[in-house]
Amino acid sequence: MVRDRCRSVSPVDDGHPGESTDALVAAAAAAIEERTRLTPDFPVAGVLFRDLTPVLGHPASLRLLGRAMSALAGPVDLVAALEARGFL
């Protein structure tokens, strides 16, 4: 069963005791801001395309985003996502 292979994530026991949810979210927001690639006028003039691929491709940033999302969501059994190659 899929559930048996998944590790439940707890916002309290994320491997960083004493780290507040607010601090995690702020650090994740900073990582997104720092690593997001901006492409002006793509796909058409006037659009600012924000590519998250560099954020997701940086192991420490990805780990930080996962910890921040789990702290906000609380305990979970399974996470599913659609792959959009950076188009969110």
N, C-alpha and C. Protein backbone atom coordinates (compact mmCIF):
# COMPACT_ATOMS: atom_id res chain seq x y z
N MET A 1 0.84 -1.18 0.00
CA MET A 1 0.00 0.00 0.00
C MET A 1 0.89 1.25 0.00
N VAL A 2 0.50 2.29 -0.74
CA VAL A 2 1.29 3.50 -0.86
C VAL A 2 1.51 4.15 0.50
N ARG A 3 0.50 4.17 1.31
CA ARG A 3 0.60 4.82 2.62
C ARG A 3 1.72 4.21 3.47
N ASP A 4 1.93 2.91 3.36
CA ASP A 4 2.97 2.24 4.14
C ASP A 4 4.36 2.70 3.73
N ARG A 5 4.54 3.14 2.49
CA ARG A 5 5.86 3.57 2.01
C ARG A 5 6.13 5.04 2.29
N CYS A 6 5.11 5.79 2.72
CA CYS A 6 5.27 7.22 2.93
C CYS A 6 5.57 7.51 4.39
N ARG A 7 6.43 8.50 4.60
CA ARG A 7 6.76 8.91 5.95
C ARG A 7 5.87 10.09 6.29
N SER A 8 5.17 10.00 7.40
CA SER A 8 4.33 11.11 7.82
C SER A 8 5.23 12.25 8.29
N VAL A 9 4.90 13.45 7.90
CA VAL A 9 5.71 14.62 8.22
C VAL A 9 5.02 15.39 9.33
N SER A 10 5.77 15.72 10.34
CA SER A 10 5.23 16.50 11.44
C SER A 10 5.91 17.86 11.48
N PRO A 11 5.15 18.94 11.66
CA PRO A 11 5.76 20.25 11.71
C PRO A 11 6.60 20.46 12.95
N VAL A 12 6.36 19.67 13.99
CA VAL A 12 7.11 19.81 15.23
C VAL A 12 8.45 19.09 15.14
N ASP A 13 8.48 17.93 14.52
CA ASP A 13 9.70 17.13 14.44
C ASP A 13 10.24 17.14 13.01
N ASP A 14 10.76 18.30 12.59
CA ASP A 14 11.28 18.41 11.23
C ASP A 14 12.80 18.38 11.19
N GLY A 15 13.41 18.00 12.30
CA GLY A 15 14.86 17.91 12.35
C GLY A 15 15.53 19.21 12.75
N HIS A 16 14.74 20.25 13.01
CA HIS A 16 15.27 21.54 13.41
C HIS A 16 14.49 22.05 14.61
N PRO A 17 14.75 21.50 15.81
CA PRO A 17 13.98 21.88 16.98
C PRO A 17 14.12 23.38 17.27
N GLY A 18 13.02 23.98 17.68
CA GLY A 18 13.03 25.37 18.05
C GLY A 18 12.85 26.34 16.90
N GLU A 19 12.83 25.84 15.66
CA GLU A 19 12.66 26.72 14.51
C GLU A 19 11.17 26.99 14.31
N SER A 20 10.79 28.26 14.34
CA SER A 20 9.37 28.61 14.24
C SER A 20 8.88 28.50 12.80
N THR A 21 7.57 28.32 12.68
CA THR A 21 6.95 28.28 11.36
C THR A 21 7.19 29.58 10.62
N ASP A 22 7.09 30.70 11.33
CA ASP A 22 7.31 32.00 10.69
C ASP A 22 8.73 32.11 10.13
N ALA A 23 9.72 31.61 10.88
CA ALA A 23 11.11 31.65 10.42
C ALA A 23 11.30 30.77 9.19
N LEU A 24 10.67 29.59 9.20
CA LEU A 24 10.77 28.69 8.04
C LEU A 24 10.14 29.32 6.80
N VAL A 25 8.97 29.90 6.96
CA VAL A 25 8.28 30.51 5.83
C VAL A 25 9.08 31.70 5.30
N ALA A 26 9.63 32.51 6.18
CA ALA A 26 10.44 33.66 5.76
C ALA A 26 11.68 33.20 5.00
N ALA A 27 12.34 32.15 5.50
CA ALA A 27 13.53 31.63 4.83
C ALA A 27 13.18 31.04 3.48
N ALA A 28 12.04 30.34 3.40
CA ALA A 28 11.60 29.77 2.12
C ALA A 28 11.26 30.87 1.12
N ALA A 29 10.60 31.93 1.59
CA ALA A 29 10.28 33.05 0.71
C ALA A 29 11.55 33.71 0.19
N ALA A 30 12.55 33.84 1.05
CA ALA A 30 13.83 34.43 0.62
C ALA A 30 14.52 33.54 -0.42
N ALA A 31 14.45 32.22 -0.23
CA ALA A 31 15.05 31.29 -1.19
C ALA A 31 14.34 31.39 -2.54
N ILE A 32 13.02 31.50 -2.51
CA ILE A 32 12.27 31.64 -3.76
C ILE A 32 12.64 32.94 -4.45
N GLU A 33 12.69 34.03 -3.69
CA GLU A 33 13.03 35.33 -4.26
C GLU A 33 14.44 35.33 -4.86
N GLU A 34 15.38 34.71 -4.15
CA GLU A 34 16.77 34.70 -4.59
C GLU A 34 17.01 33.84 -5.83
N ARG A 35 16.34 32.70 -5.91
CA ARG A 35 16.67 31.73 -6.95
C ARG A 35 15.71 31.71 -8.14
N THR A 36 14.57 32.39 -8.05
CA THR A 36 13.63 32.40 -9.17
C THR A 36 14.24 33.17 -10.34
N ARG A 37 14.20 32.55 -11.51
CA ARG A 37 14.73 33.19 -12.72
C ARG A 37 13.61 33.98 -13.39
N LEU A 38 13.86 35.27 -13.64
CA LEU A 38 12.87 36.14 -14.27
C LEU A 38 13.19 36.31 -15.75
N THR A 39 12.18 36.15 -16.59
CA THR A 39 12.35 36.33 -18.03
C THR A 39 11.28 37.31 -18.50
N PRO A 40 11.68 38.57 -18.75
CA PRO A 40 10.70 39.55 -19.21
C PRO A 40 10.24 39.28 -20.64
N ASP A 41 9.00 39.67 -20.89
CA ASP A 41 8.40 39.55 -22.22
C ASP A 41 8.36 38.12 -22.75
N PHE A 42 8.11 37.17 -21.86
CA PHE A 42 7.97 35.78 -22.29
C PHE A 42 6.71 35.21 -21.66
N PRO A 43 5.86 34.60 -22.39
CA PRO A 43 5.92 34.23 -23.80
C PRO A 43 5.49 35.35 -24.74
N VAL A 44 4.92 36.43 -24.19
CA VAL A 44 4.53 37.58 -25.03
C VAL A 44 4.96 38.86 -24.33
N ALA A 45 5.03 39.93 -25.07
CA ALA A 45 5.43 41.22 -24.52
C ALA A 45 4.51 41.61 -23.35
N GLY A 46 5.13 42.13 -22.30
CA GLY A 46 4.38 42.57 -21.14
C GLY A 46 4.24 41.54 -20.04
N VAL A 47 4.63 40.29 -20.30
CA VAL A 47 4.54 39.22 -19.30
C VAL A 47 5.92 39.02 -18.67
N LEU A 48 5.97 38.93 -17.34
CA LEU A 48 7.20 38.61 -16.64
C LEU A 48 7.10 37.16 -16.20
N PHE A 49 7.80 36.26 -16.89
CA PHE A 49 7.77 34.83 -16.59
C PHE A 49 8.69 34.55 -15.41
N ARG A 50 8.18 33.84 -14.42
CA ARG A 50 8.95 33.47 -13.23
C ARG A 50 9.19 31.97 -13.27
N ASP A 51 10.42 31.58 -13.49
CA ASP A 51 10.81 30.17 -13.60
C ASP A 51 11.31 29.68 -12.26
N LEU A 52 10.60 28.72 -11.67
CA LEU A 52 10.97 28.17 -10.36
C LEU A 52 11.95 27.00 -10.46
N THR A 53 12.31 26.60 -11.67
CA THR A 53 13.22 25.47 -11.83
C THR A 53 14.52 25.63 -11.05
N PRO A 54 15.16 26.81 -11.03
CA PRO A 54 16.39 26.95 -10.24
C PRO A 54 16.16 26.76 -8.74
N VAL A 55 14.99 27.12 -8.25
CA VAL A 55 14.67 26.92 -6.84
C VAL A 55 14.57 25.43 -6.55
N LEU A 56 13.84 24.73 -7.41
CA LEU A 56 13.64 23.29 -7.21
C LEU A 56 14.91 22.49 -7.49
N GLY A 57 15.81 23.03 -8.29
CA GLY A 57 17.05 22.35 -8.62
C GLY A 57 18.16 22.56 -7.61
N HIS A 58 17.93 23.39 -6.62
CA HIS A 58 18.93 23.66 -5.57
C HIS A 58 18.53 22.84 -4.34
N PRO A 59 19.30 21.80 -3.98
CA PRO A 59 18.88 20.88 -2.92
C PRO A 59 18.53 21.55 -1.59
N ALA A 60 19.31 22.51 -1.15
CA ALA A 60 19.03 23.16 0.14
C ALA A 60 17.73 23.97 0.07
N SER A 61 17.50 24.64 -1.05
CA SER A 61 16.26 25.41 -1.20
C SER A 61 15.05 24.49 -1.26
N LEU A 62 15.16 23.40 -1.99
CA LEU A 62 14.06 22.45 -2.08
C LEU A 62 13.73 21.86 -0.72
N ARG A 63 14.76 21.50 0.03
CA ARG A 63 14.57 20.96 1.37
C ARG A 63 13.88 21.99 2.27
N LEU A 64 14.33 23.24 2.19
CA LEU A 64 13.73 24.32 2.97
C LEU A 64 12.26 24.53 2.61
N LEU A 65 11.95 24.51 1.32
CA LEU A 65 10.56 24.65 0.89
C LEU A 65 9.69 23.51 1.42
N GLY A 66 10.22 22.31 1.39
CA GLY A 66 9.47 21.16 1.92
C GLY A 66 9.20 21.30 3.40
N ARG A 67 10.21 21.74 4.16
CA ARG A 67 10.02 21.93 5.60
C ARG A 67 9.01 23.03 5.88
N ALA A 68 9.07 24.13 5.12
CA ALA A 68 8.13 25.23 5.34
C ALA A 68 6.70 24.80 5.01
N MET A 69 6.53 24.10 3.89
CA MET A 69 5.18 23.65 3.52
C MET A 69 4.64 22.65 4.54
N SER A 70 5.48 21.76 5.04
CA SER A 70 4.99 20.79 6.02
C SER A 70 4.65 21.47 7.33
N ALA A 71 5.39 22.51 7.70
CA ALA A 71 5.07 23.25 8.92
C ALA A 71 3.73 23.96 8.79
N LEU A 72 3.43 24.47 7.60
CA LEU A 72 2.15 25.15 7.38
C LEU A 72 0.99 24.17 7.28
N ALA A 73 1.22 23.01 6.68
CA ALA A 73 0.15 22.05 6.42
C ALA A 73 -0.14 21.14 7.60
N GLY A 74 0.83 20.91 8.45
CA GLY A 74 0.65 19.96 9.53
C GLY A 74 0.95 18.55 9.05
N PRO A 75 0.63 17.55 9.87
CA PRO A 75 0.91 16.17 9.49
C PRO A 75 0.18 15.75 8.21
N VAL A 76 0.89 15.04 7.33
CA VAL A 76 0.31 14.56 6.08
C VAL A 76 0.66 13.10 5.87
N ASP A 77 -0.13 12.40 5.10
CA ASP A 77 0.13 11.01 4.77
C ASP A 77 0.75 10.85 3.39
N LEU A 78 0.39 11.75 2.47
CA LEU A 78 0.82 11.60 1.09
C LEU A 78 0.80 12.97 0.40
N VAL A 79 1.78 13.21 -0.44
CA VAL A 79 1.81 14.44 -1.23
C VAL A 79 1.82 14.05 -2.70
N ALA A 80 0.94 14.64 -3.48
CA ALA A 80 0.89 14.40 -4.91
C ALA A 80 0.97 15.75 -5.61
N ALA A 81 1.63 15.77 -6.76
CA ALA A 81 1.77 17.03 -7.48
C ALA A 81 1.79 16.79 -8.97
N LEU A 82 1.42 17.80 -9.71
CA LEU A 82 1.49 17.77 -11.17
C LEU A 82 2.81 18.41 -11.58
N GLU A 83 3.44 17.86 -12.57
CA GLU A 83 4.69 18.42 -13.09
C GLU A 83 4.32 19.37 -14.20
N ALA A 84 4.79 20.62 -14.09
CA ALA A 84 4.46 21.60 -15.10
C ALA A 84 5.71 22.26 -15.68
N ARG A 85 6.87 21.70 -15.42
CA ARG A 85 8.14 22.20 -15.94
C ARG A 85 8.31 23.69 -15.68
N GLY A 86 7.96 24.12 -14.45
CA GLY A 86 8.17 25.51 -14.09
C GLY A 86 7.00 26.42 -14.41
N PHE A 87 5.99 25.93 -15.11
CA PHE A 87 4.83 26.76 -15.44
C PHE A 87 3.77 26.58 -14.38
N LEU A 88 3.77 27.47 -13.38
CA LEU A 88 2.77 27.37 -12.30
C LEU A 88 1.82 28.52 -12.37
